[in-house]
PDB file of N, CA and C in Angstrom:
ATOM      1  N   MET A   1       0.326  -0.677   0.166  1.00  0.00           N
ATOM      2  CA  MET A   1       0.336  -0.141   0.211  1.00  0.00           C
ATOM      3  C   MET A   1       0.970   0.966  -0.517  1.00  0.00           C
ATOM      4  N   PRO A   2       0.767   2.594  -0.683  1.00  0.00           N
ATOM      5  CA  PRO A   2       2.036   3.541  -0.540  1.00  0.00           C
ATOM      6  C   PRO A   2       1.372   4.928   0.723  1.00  0.00           C
ATOM      7  N   LYS A   3       2.571   4.551   0.076  1.00  0.00           N
ATOM      8  CA  LYS A   3       2.348   5.277   2.124  1.00  0.00           C
ATOM      9  C   LYS A   3       1.681   6.761   1.530  1.00  0.00           C
ATOM     10  N   LEU A   4       0.978   7.150   3.044  1.00  0.00           N
ATOM     11  CA  LEU A   4       0.040   8.591   2.608  1.00  0.00           C
ATOM     12  C   LEU A   4       0.813   9.715   3.111  1.00  0.00           C
ATOM     13  N   THR A   5       0.555  10.591   2.814  1.00  0.00           N
ATOM     14  CA  THR A   5       1.741  12.069   2.835  1.00  0.00           C
ATOM     15  C   THR A   5       0.686  12.393   4.080  1.00  0.00           C
ATOM     16  N   LYS A   6       0.766  13.759   4.977  1.00  0.00           N
ATOM     17  CA  LYS A   6       0.099  14.782   6.113  1.00  0.00           C
ATOM     18  C   LYS A   6      -1.316  15.131   4.639  1.00  0.00           C
ATOM     19  N   LYS A   7      -0.808  15.786   4.085  1.00  0.00           N
ATOM     20  CA  LYS A   7      -2.611  15.822   3.231  1.00  0.00           C
ATOM     21  C   LYS A   7      -1.623  16.145   1.612  1.00  0.00           C
ATOM     22  N   SER A   8      -2.733  15.950   0.759  1.00  0.00           N
ATOM     23  CA  SER A   8      -3.139  16.006  -0.881  1.00  0.00           C
ATOM     24  C   SER A   8      -2.195  17.202  -1.172  1.00  0.00           C
ATOM     25  N   LYS A   9      -1.718  17.376  -2.597  1.00  0.00           N
ATOM     26  CA  LYS A   9      -2.174  19.168  -3.179  1.00  0.00           C
ATOM     27  C   LYS A   9      -3.117  19.697  -3.115  1.00  0.00           C
ATOM     28  N   LEU A  10      -4.101  18.373  -3.813  1.00  0.00           N
ATOM     29  CA  LEU A  10      -5.372  19.046  -3.701  1.00  0.00           C
ATOM     30  C   LEU A  10      -6.033  19.784  -1.694  1.00  0.00           C
ATOM     31  N   GLY A  11      -5.512  18.644  -1.529  1.00  0.00           N
ATOM     32  CA  GLY A  11      -5.878  18.567   0.439  1.00  0.00           C
ATOM     33  C   GLY A  11      -5.687  20.645   0.426  1.00  0.00           C
ATOM     34  N   LYS A  12      -4.213  20.622   0.490  1.00  0.00           N
ATOM     35  CA  LYS A  12      -3.587  21.702   1.209  1.00  0.00           C
ATOM     36  C   LYS A  12      -4.229  22.861   0.600  1.00  0.00           C
ATOM     37  N   TYR A  13      -4.515  22.463  -1.394  1.00  0.00           N
ATOM     38  CA  TYR A  13      -5.207  23.890  -1.684  1.00  0.00           C
ATOM     39  C   TYR A  13      -7.098  23.899  -1.494  1.00  0.00           C
ATOM     40  N   LEU A  14      -7.492  23.046  -0.252  1.00  0.00           N
ATOM     41  CA  LEU A  14      -8.977  23.118  -0.721  1.00  0.00           C
ATOM     42  C   LEU A  14      -8.925  24.059   0.641  1.00  0.00           C
ATOM     43  N   MET A  15      -7.843  23.070   1.831  1.00  0.00           N
ATOM     44  CA  MET A  15      -7.565  23.960   3.089  1.00  0.00           C
ATOM     45  C   MET A  15      -7.567  25.482   3.034  1.00  0.00           C
ATOM     46  N   GLY A  16      -6.857  25.736   2.481  1.00  0.00           N
ATOM     47  CA  GLY A  16      -6.727  26.967   2.202  1.00  0.00           C
ATOM     48  C   GLY A  16      -6.919  28.067   1.327  1.00  0.00           C
ATOM     49  N   LYS A  17      -8.700  26.975   0.162  1.00  0.00           N
ATOM     50  CA  LYS A  17      -9.620  27.677   0.075  1.00  0.00           C
ATOM     51  C   LYS A  17     -10.937  28.066   0.725  1.00  0.00           C
ATOM     52  N   GLY A  18     -10.411  27.845   2.204  1.00  0.00           N
ATOM     53  CA  GLY A  18     -11.386  27.516   3.187  1.00  0.00           C
ATOM     54  C   GLY A  18     -12.129  26.163   3.663  1.00  0.00           C
ATOM     55  N   TYR A  19     -11.808  25.697   2.704  1.00  0.00           N
ATOM     56  CA  TYR A  19     -12.438  23.706   2.804  1.00  0.00           C
ATOM     57  C   TYR A  19     -12.368  23.785   4.073  1.00  0.00           C
ATOM     58  N   THR A  20     -13.499  22.494   4.796  1.00  0.00           N
ATOM     59  CA  THR A  20     -12.700  21.360   5.451  1.00  0.00           C
ATOM     60  C   THR A  20     -13.444  20.311   4.486  1.00  0.00           C
ATOM     61  N   GLN A  21     -12.940  19.475   5.030  1.00  0.00           N
ATOM     62  CA  GLN A  21     -13.179  18.234   4.299  1.00  0.00           C
ATOM     63  C   GLN A  21     -14.954  17.559   4.656  1.00  0.00           C
ATOM     64  N   THR A  22     -15.405  18.586   5.791  1.00  0.00           N
ATOM     65  CA  THR A  22     -17.135  18.409   5.596  1.00  0.00           C
ATOM     66  C   THR A  22     -17.480  19.219   5.178  1.00  0.00           C
ATOM     67  N   GLU A  23     -16.959  19.672   4.603  1.00  0.00           N
ATOM     68  CA  GLU A  23     -17.597  21.599   3.709  1.00  0.00           C
ATOM     69  C   GLU A  23     -17.423  20.184   2.043  1.00  0.00           C
ATOM     70  N   PHE A  24     -16.126  19.603   1.444  1.00  0.00           N
ATOM     71  CA  PHE A  24     -15.927  19.030  -0.073  1.00  0.00           C
ATOM     72  C   PHE A  24     -16.584  18.331   0.542  1.00  0.00           C
ATOM     73  N   MET A  25     -17.630  17.612   1.555  1.00  0.00           N
ATOM     74  CA  MET A  25     -18.061  15.747   1.047  1.00  0.00           C
ATOM     75  C   MET A  25     -19.745  17.432  -0.011  1.00  0.00           C
ATOM     76  N   LYS A  26     -20.483  18.220   1.097  1.00  0.00           N
ATOM     77  CA  LYS A  26     -21.393  18.789   1.239  1.00  0.00           C
ATOM     78  C   LYS A  26     -21.585  18.831   0.089  1.00  0.00           C
ATOM     79  N   VAL A  27     -20.162  20.160  -0.442  1.00  0.00           N
ATOM     80  CA  VAL A  27     -20.780  20.612  -2.199  1.00  0.00           C
ATOM     81  C   VAL A  27     -20.746  19.932  -3.244  1.00  0.00           C
ATOM     82  N   THR A  28     -19.343  18.762  -2.693  1.00  0.00           N
ATOM     83  CA  THR A  28     -19.120  17.964  -4.302  1.00  0.00           C
ATOM     84  C   THR A  28     -19.811  16.592  -3.932  1.00  0.00           C
ATOM     85  N   ASN A  29     -20.789  16.915  -2.552  1.00  0.00           N
ATOM     86  CA  ASN A  29     -21.640  15.757  -3.022  1.00  0.00           C
ATOM     87  C   ASN A  29     -20.721  14.000  -3.113  1.00  0.00           C
ATOM     88  N   LEU A  30     -19.948  13.996  -2.025  1.00  0.00           N
ATOM     89  CA  LEU A  30     -18.809  13.309  -2.372  1.00  0.00           C
ATOM     90  C   LEU A  30     -18.657  12.781  -0.538  1.00  0.00           C
ATOM     91  N   GLY A  31     -18.704  10.558  -0.994  1.00  0.00           N
ATOM     92  CA  GLY A  31     -18.911  10.635   0.212  1.00  0.00           C
ATOM     93  C   GLY A  31     -17.306  10.687   1.856  1.00  0.00           C
ATOM     94  N   ARG A  32     -17.220   9.711   2.997  1.00  0.00           N
ATOM     95  CA  ARG A  32     -16.172  10.366   3.218  1.00  0.00           C
ATOM     96  C   ARG A  32     -15.134   9.757   2.766  1.00  0.00           C
ATOM     97  N   GLN A  33     -14.951   8.924   2.709  1.00  0.00           N
ATOM     98  CA  GLN A  33     -14.042   8.150   2.318  1.00  0.00           C
ATOM     99  C   GLN A  33     -13.242   8.338   1.102  1.00  0.00           C
ATOM    100  N   THR A  34     -13.843   9.411   0.375  1.00  0.00           N
ATOM    101  CA  THR A  34     -13.292   9.468  -1.214  1.00  0.00           C
ATOM    102  C   THR A  34     -13.461  10.620  -0.680  1.00  0.00           C
ATOM    103  N   ALA A  35     -13.638  11.428  -0.224  1.00  0.00           N
ATOM    104  CA  ALA A  35     -13.277  13.204   0.511  1.00  0.00           C
ATOM    105  C   ALA A  35     -11.269  12.985   1.481  1.00  0.00           C
ATOM    106  N   GLY A  36     -11.875  11.505   1.837  1.00  0.00           N
ATOM    107  CA  GLY A  36     -10.901  11.683   2.785  1.00  0.00           C
ATOM    108  C   GLY A  36      -9.504  11.127   1.711  1.00  0.00           C
ATOM    109  N   LYS A  37     -10.006  10.419   1.194  1.00  0.00           N
ATOM    110  CA  LYS A  37      -8.628  10.210   0.369  1.00  0.00           C
ATOM    111  C   LYS A  37      -8.271  11.473  -1.087  1.00  0.00           C
ATOM    112  N   ILE A  38      -9.303  12.308  -1.167  1.00  0.00           N
ATOM    113  CA  ILE A  38      -8.477  12.901  -1.977  1.00  0.00           C
ATOM    114  C   ILE A  38      -7.527  14.020  -1.347  1.00  0.00           C
ATOM    115  N   PHE A  39      -8.123  14.222   0.278  1.00  0.00           N
ATOM    116  CA  PHE A  39      -7.648  15.397   0.979  1.00  0.00           C
ATOM    117  C   PHE A  39      -6.399  14.635   1.704  1.00  0.00           C
ATOM    118  N   ASN A  40      -5.876  14.435   2.072  1.00  0.00           N
ATOM    119  CA  ASN A  40      -5.315  12.961   2.039  1.00  0.00           C
ATOM    120  C   ASN A  40      -3.941  12.749   1.472  1.00  0.00           C
ATOM    121  N   ASP A  41      -4.230  11.752   0.217  1.00  0.00           N
ATOM    122  CA  ASP A  41      -3.645  10.473  -0.235  1.00  0.00           C
ATOM    123  C   ASP A  41      -2.856  11.044  -1.257  1.00  0.00           C
ATOM    124  N   SER A  42      -1.905  11.771  -1.651  1.00  0.00           N
ATOM    125  CA  SER A  42      -1.390  11.957  -2.980  1.00  0.00           C
ATOM    126  C   SER A  42      -1.715  11.645  -3.741  1.00  0.00           C
ATOM    127  N   ASN A  43      -0.782   9.759  -3.630  1.00  0.00           N
ATOM    128  CA  ASN A  43      -1.344   8.985  -4.714  1.00  0.00           C
ATOM    129  C   ASN A  43      -2.659   9.138  -5.009  1.00  0.00           C
ATOM    130  N   TYR A  44      -3.555   9.089  -4.745  1.00  0.00           N
ATOM    131  CA  TYR A  44      -5.408   8.886  -4.958  1.00  0.00           C
ATOM    132  C   TYR A  44      -5.294   9.368  -6.317  1.00  0.00           C
ATOM    133  N   ILE A  45      -5.976   8.508  -7.158  1.00  0.00           N
ATOM    134  CA  ILE A  45      -6.631   8.810  -8.097  1.00  0.00           C
ATOM    135  C   ILE A  45      -7.547   9.059  -8.777  1.00  0.00           C
ATOM    136  N   PRO A  46      -8.930   9.224  -7.761  1.00  0.00           N
ATOM    137  CA  PRO A  46     -10.010   9.138  -8.668  1.00  0.00           C
ATOM    138  C   PRO A  46     -10.559   8.926  -9.723  1.00  0.00           C
ATOM    139  N   SER A  47     -12.028   8.348  -9.931  1.00  0.00           N
ATOM    140  CA  SER A  47     -12.657   7.936 -10.811  1.00  0.00           C
ATOM    141  C   SER A  47     -12.818   9.225 -11.496  1.00  0.00           C
ATOM    142  N   GLY A  48     -13.945   8.465 -13.057  1.00  0.00           N
ATOM    143  CA  GLY A  48     -14.369   9.504 -13.278  1.00  0.00           C
ATOM    144  C   GLY A  48     -15.423  10.659 -13.407  1.00  0.00           C
ATOM    145  N   SER A  49     -16.707  10.069 -12.812  1.00  0.00           N
ATOM    146  CA  SER A  49     -17.208  10.488 -12.301  1.00  0.00           C
ATOM    147  C   SER A  49     -16.995  11.543 -10.760  1.00  0.00           C
ATOM    148  N   THR A  50     -15.819  10.623  -9.687  1.00  0.00           N
ATOM    149  CA  THR A  50     -15.353  12.162  -8.636  1.00  0.00           C
ATOM    150  C   THR A  50     -14.534  13.418  -9.804  1.00  0.00           C
ATOM    151  N   MET A  51     -13.992  12.781 -10.260  1.00  0.00           N
ATOM    152  CA  MET A  51     -13.497  13.345 -11.009  1.00  0.00           C
ATOM    153  C   MET A  51     -13.499  14.902 -11.541  1.00  0.00           C
ATOM    154  N   LYS A  52     -15.320  15.012 -12.329  1.00  0.00           N
ATOM    155  CA  LYS A  52     -15.970  15.968 -12.879  1.00  0.00           C
ATOM    156  C   LYS A  52     -16.141  16.341 -11.265  1.00  0.00           C
ATOM    157  N   LYS A  53     -17.115  15.736 -10.552  1.00  0.00           N
ATOM    158  CA  LYS A  53     -17.545  16.194  -9.196  1.00  0.00           C
ATOM    159  C   LYS A  53     -16.789  17.473  -8.459  1.00  0.00           C
ATOM    160  N   VAL A  54     -15.242  16.972  -8.750  1.00  0.00           N
ATOM    161  CA  VAL A  54     -14.155  17.893  -7.474  1.00  0.00           C
ATOM    162  C   VAL A  54     -13.803  19.036  -9.138  1.00  0.00           C
ATOM    163  N   ILE A  55     -13.789  18.794 -10.299  1.00  0.00           N
ATOM    164  CA  ILE A  55     -13.447  19.076 -11.806  1.00  0.00           C
ATOM    165  C   ILE A  55     -14.324  20.738 -11.566  1.00  0.00           C
ATOM    166  N   ASN A  56     -15.719  20.192 -10.566  1.00  0.00           N
ATOM    167  CA  ASN A  56     -16.519  20.842 -11.073  1.00  0.00           C
ATOM    168  C   ASN A  56     -16.539  22.258  -9.950  1.00  0.00           C
ATOM    169  N   LEU A  57     -16.514  21.962  -8.693  1.00  0.00           N
ATOM    170  CA  LEU A  57     -15.789  23.133  -7.515  1.00  0.00           C
ATOM    171  C   LEU A  57     -14.511  23.898  -7.927  1.00  0.00           C
ATOM    172  N   LEU A  58     -13.510  23.083  -8.422  1.00  0.00           N
ATOM    173  CA  LEU A  58     -12.567  23.865  -8.475  1.00  0.00           C
ATOM    174  C   LEU A  58     -12.011  24.893  -9.786  1.00  0.00           C
ATOM    175  N   LYS A  59     -13.443  24.268 -11.723  1.00  0.00           N
ATOM    176  CA  LYS A  59     -13.378  25.841 -11.220  1.00  0.00           C
ATOM    177  C   LYS A  59     -14.168  26.983 -11.207  1.00  0.00           C
ATOM    178  N   GLU A  60     -15.183  26.304 -10.279  1.00  0.00           N
ATOM    179  CA  GLU A  60     -15.846  27.558  -9.410  1.00  0.00           C
ATOM    180  C   GLU A  60     -14.852  28.695  -8.564  1.00  0.00           C
ATOM    181  N   LEU A  61     -13.799  27.476  -8.482  1.00  0.00           N
ATOM    182  CA  LEU A  61     -13.109  28.317  -7.380  1.00  0.00           C
ATOM    183  C   LEU A  61     -11.228  29.282  -8.468  1.00  0.00           C
ATOM    184  N   ASP A  62     -11.496  28.974  -9.560  1.00  0.00           N
ATOM    185  CA  ASP A  62     -10.348  29.957  -9.714  1.00  0.00           C
ATOM    186  C   ASP A  62     -10.100  28.722 -10.962  1.00  0.00           C
ATOM    187  N   PRO A  63     -10.851  29.875 -12.479  1.00  0.00           N
ATOM    188  CA  PRO A  63     -11.285  29.246 -13.690  1.00  0.00           C
ATOM    189  C   PRO A  63      -9.574  28.609 -15.065  1.00  0.00           C
ATOM    190  N   LYS A  64      -8.933  28.712 -13.871  1.00  0.00           N
ATOM    191  CA  LYS A  64      -7.236  28.190 -14.791  1.00  0.00           C
ATOM    192  C   LYS A  64      -6.712  27.676 -13.826  1.00  0.00           C
ATOM    193  N   VAL A  65      -7.414  26.312 -12.971  1.00  0.00           N
ATOM    194  CA  VAL A  65      -6.894  25.745 -12.748  1.00  0.00           C
ATOM    195  C   VAL A  65      -7.192  24.194 -13.694  1.00  0.00           C
ATOM    196  N   LYS A  66      -6.148  23.354 -13.326  1.00  0.00           N
ATOM    197  CA  LYS A  66      -6.515  21.884 -14.543  1.00  0.00           C
ATOM    198  C   LYS A  66      -6.335  20.912 -13.176  1.00  0.00           C
ATOM    199  N   ILE A  67      -7.072  20.381 -12.876  1.00  0.00           N
ATOM    200  CA  ILE A  67      -6.993  18.289 -12.204  1.00  0.00           C
ATOM    201  C   ILE A  67      -5.740  18.566 -12.179  1.00  0.00           C
ATOM    202  N   GLU A  68      -4.855  18.433 -13.441  1.00  0.00           N
ATOM    203  CA  GLU A  68      -3.387  18.506 -13.644  1.00  0.00           C
ATOM    204  C   GLU A  68      -2.571  18.272 -12.683  1.00  0.00           C
ATOM    205  N   ASP A  69      -2.952  19.480 -11.934  1.00  0.00           N
ATOM    206  CA  ASP A  69      -2.251  20.414 -11.331  1.00  0.00           C
ATOM    207  C   ASP A  69      -1.894  19.069 -10.041  1.00  0.00           C
ATOM    208  N   PHE A  70      -2.940  18.734  -9.939  1.00  0.00           N
ATOM    209  CA  PHE A  70      -3.309  18.199  -8.130  1.00  0.00           C
ATOM    210  C   PHE A  70      -2.804  16.970  -8.456  1.00  0.00           C
ATOM    211  N   PHE A  71      -3.043  15.623  -9.139  1.00  0.00           N
ATOM    212  CA  PHE A  71      -3.489  14.222  -9.643  1.00  0.00           C
ATOM    213  C   PHE A  71      -1.952  13.932 -10.987  1.00  0.00           C
ATOM    214  N   ASN A  72      -1.186  13.102 -10.078  1.00  0.00           N
ATOM    215  CA  ASN A  72      -0.317  12.577 -11.271  1.00  0.00           C
ATOM    216  C   ASN A  72      -1.251  11.847 -12.690  1.00  0.00           C
ATOM    217  N   PHE A  73      -1.320  11.251 -12.672  1.00  0.00           N
ATOM    218  CA  PHE A  73      -1.934  10.758 -14.493  1.00  0.00           C
ATOM    219  C   PHE A  73      -0.666   9.660 -14.276  1.00  0.00           C
TER     220      PHE A  73
END
């Protein structure tokens, strides 16, 4: 199993924008386990449907941001 870091790039970014994991879950309609992976596991690659929810939120926060800034494909 890959080693977890303290926060993922996306987790750090969202926290910097004032989002807690709980608020992120509400806005994206994602489950606790998925939100936890997004916030804490820098090796996590979300499914297509999860990625779409994350992208929608990111585009609201900053239209210039790219999903590739946060996930290693």
